[in-house]
Structure formats: C-alpha cells, structure tokens
Amino acid sequence: VNGGGFSMYLFLYGLVFYFLELQLSGIFPLLLYTMWMGVLCVMVLLMFGSVGVLCSLMFTMRMYSSPSHEYEAPATEMVLLECASVEEEIKEKEESVTRRNITKETGEPVED
C-alpha cells in the first residue's frame, strides 16, 4: 500500500512538473515523458512493495515461530517414546513366537 501510494504521488508530481516547469510542446515529448515516468513509477512500486511484503513476512514468521518451538519439542518426545514402546512390544512378540516354534520342533521347552 505504501509503495503504491508513493508511486502514484511520484507520477502525479511528474505530470505537474511536466506541465508547469518543462514548458515542452507537442504530443511526442508528452508521450515519451509519461511513458518513462510510468516505467519509473512501476519500478518504484515493485521495489517498495517487495520490501514491505518481505518485511511483513519476516515479522510474521518470527512472531509465529517462537511459540511453536516451545510446544513442538514435548510432542516430538512423546511420539518418540511411543514409537520406542511399540518397537519393544514388537520385539517381545517376535521372541515369544520364536520360542513357541522352537518348542514345537524339538518338543523341549526353551529356557529363559
């Protein structure tokens, strides 16, 4: 918004300057001047607009990144603990299945 407002002001100031100070006559100088003034104003609009958008993006990302780091770590630890307990359960079940298979083949119980 600020970049657009400034570029419109710059373009209007350029038109006022053209008609009051330059004292040029003819359509060609007017078209040439307004064309290049328009190109300059679009460049100013893009430059100031991109600076404004990037600054607000960085501010928003920094503002919302702080709380997420505080609360993300415990949740991650909980998931890791749950995964570790599930892995332990799977290993225990695999060992019990292996023990049962050994006792069926040999007929003798496996000592723990």
Protein backbone atom coordinates (compact mmCIF):
# COMPACT_ATOMS: atom_id res chain seq x y z
CA VAL A 1 0.00 0.00 0.00
CA ASN A 2 2.77 2.43 0.87
CA GLY A 3 4.78 1.65 -2.25
CA GLY A 4 1.72 2.09 -4.45
CA GLY A 5 0.77 5.37 -2.82
CA PHE A 6 4.25 6.75 -3.21
CA SER A 7 4.47 5.69 -6.86
CA MET A 8 1.11 7.37 -7.64
CA TYR A 9 2.32 10.52 -5.90
CA LEU A 10 5.53 10.38 -7.91
CA PHE A 11 3.63 10.02 -11.19
CA LEU A 12 1.26 12.91 -10.38
CA TYR A 13 4.20 15.06 -9.31
CA GLY A 14 5.90 14.22 -12.60
CA LEU A 15 2.83 15.34 -14.55
CA VAL A 16 2.60 18.60 -12.60
CA PHE A 17 6.33 19.15 -13.16
CA TYR A 18 5.91 18.49 -16.88
CA PHE A 19 3.09 20.98 -17.35
CA LEU A 20 4.37 23.72 -15.01
CA GLU A 21 8.17 23.61 -15.29
CA LEU A 22 9.31 21.94 -18.51
CA GLN A 23 7.38 24.09 -20.99
CA LEU A 24 7.57 21.44 -23.74
CA SER A 25 5.15 21.48 -26.65
CA GLY A 26 3.87 18.66 -28.83
CA ILE A 27 2.44 15.23 -28.29
CA PHE A 28 5.68 13.26 -28.73
CA PRO A 29 7.52 14.76 -25.73
CA LEU A 30 4.38 14.28 -23.60
CA LEU A 31 4.07 10.61 -24.59
CA LEU A 32 7.78 9.96 -24.13
CA TYR A 33 7.87 11.69 -20.73
CA THR A 34 4.72 9.97 -19.40
CA MET A 35 5.89 6.58 -20.68
CA TRP A 36 9.24 6.77 -18.91
CA MET A 37 7.64 8.29 -15.84
CA GLY A 38 5.23 5.34 -15.79
CA VAL A 39 8.09 2.86 -16.08
CA LEU A 40 9.90 4.59 -13.22
CA CYS A 41 6.75 4.56 -11.06
CA VAL A 42 6.16 0.83 -11.71
CA MET A 43 9.76 0.11 -10.72
CA VAL A 44 9.34 2.16 -7.52
CA LEU A 45 6.07 0.32 -6.82
CA LEU A 46 7.72 -3.08 -7.21
CA MET A 47 10.77 -2.10 -5.19
CA PHE A 48 8.92 -0.61 -2.21
CA GLY A 49 6.14 -3.19 -2.42
CA SER A 50 8.56 -6.10 -2.31
CA VAL A 51 10.42 -4.57 0.64
CA GLY A 52 7.15 -4.15 2.51
CA VAL A 53 5.97 -7.69 1.77
CA LEU A 54 9.29 -9.25 2.75
CA CYS A 55 9.47 -7.28 6.00
CA SER A 56 5.93 -8.23 6.99
CA LEU A 57 6.60 -11.87 6.03
CA MET A 58 9.75 -11.99 8.17
CA PHE A 59 7.91 -10.37 11.08
CA THR A 60 5.01 -12.82 10.84
CA MET A 61 7.28 -15.85 10.55
CA ARG A 62 9.34 -14.73 13.53
CA MET A 63 6.26 -13.94 15.59
CA TYR A 64 4.62 -17.31 14.98
CA SER A 65 7.79 -19.41 15.12
CA SER A 66 8.57 -18.72 18.79
CA PRO A 67 5.58 -20.48 20.42
CA SER A 68 5.70 -23.45 18.07
CA HIS A 69 9.25 -24.33 19.18
CA GLU A 70 8.22 -24.32 22.83
CA TYR A 71 5.35 -26.73 22.30
CA GLU A 72 6.76 -28.83 19.49
CA ALA A 73 9.57 -30.45 21.47
CA PRO A 74 7.43 -32.24 24.11
CA ALA A 75 5.08 -33.56 21.42
CA THR A 76 8.04 -34.89 19.46
CA GLU A 77 9.44 -36.57 22.57
CA MET A 78 6.07 -38.19 23.25
CA VAL A 79 5.91 -39.60 19.74
CA LEU A 80 9.44 -40.94 20.03
CA LEU A 81 8.64 -42.58 23.36
CA GLU A 82 5.51 -44.16 21.91
CA CYS A 83 7.48 -45.47 18.93
CA ALA A 84 10.11 -46.95 21.23
CA SER A 85 7.48 -48.72 23.33
CA VAL A 86 5.79 -50.10 20.20
CA GLU A 87 9.14 -51.37 18.94
CA GLU A 88 9.76 -53.11 22.27
CA GLU A 89 6.34 -54.77 22.11
CA ILE A 90 7.02 -55.99 18.57
CA LYS A 91 10.39 -57.46 19.63
CA GLU A 92 8.78 -59.23 22.60
CA LYS A 93 6.08 -60.74 20.38
CA GLU A 94 8.66 -61.89 17.83
CA GLU A 95 10.71 -63.55 20.59
CA SER A 96 7.67 -65.33 22.01
CA VAL A 97 6.68 -66.61 18.55
CA THR A 98 10.24 -67.83 18.00
CA ARG A 99 10.23 -69.64 21.40
CA ARG A 100 6.94 -71.36 20.60
CA ASN A 101 8.26 -72.54 17.23
CA ILE A 102 11.42 -73.93 18.82
CA THR A 103 9.45 -75.84 21.46
CA LYS A 104 7.13 -77.33 18.82
CA GLU A 105 10.03 -78.57 16.69
CA THR A 106 12.13 -80.04 19.47
CA GLY A 107 9.45 -80.77 21.96
CA GLU A 108 11.58 -79.35 24.71
CA PRO A 109 10.89 -76.04 26.43
CA VAL A 110 13.32 -73.19 25.90
CA GLU A 111 14.97 -71.84 28.98
CA ASP A 112 14.73 -68.09 29.50
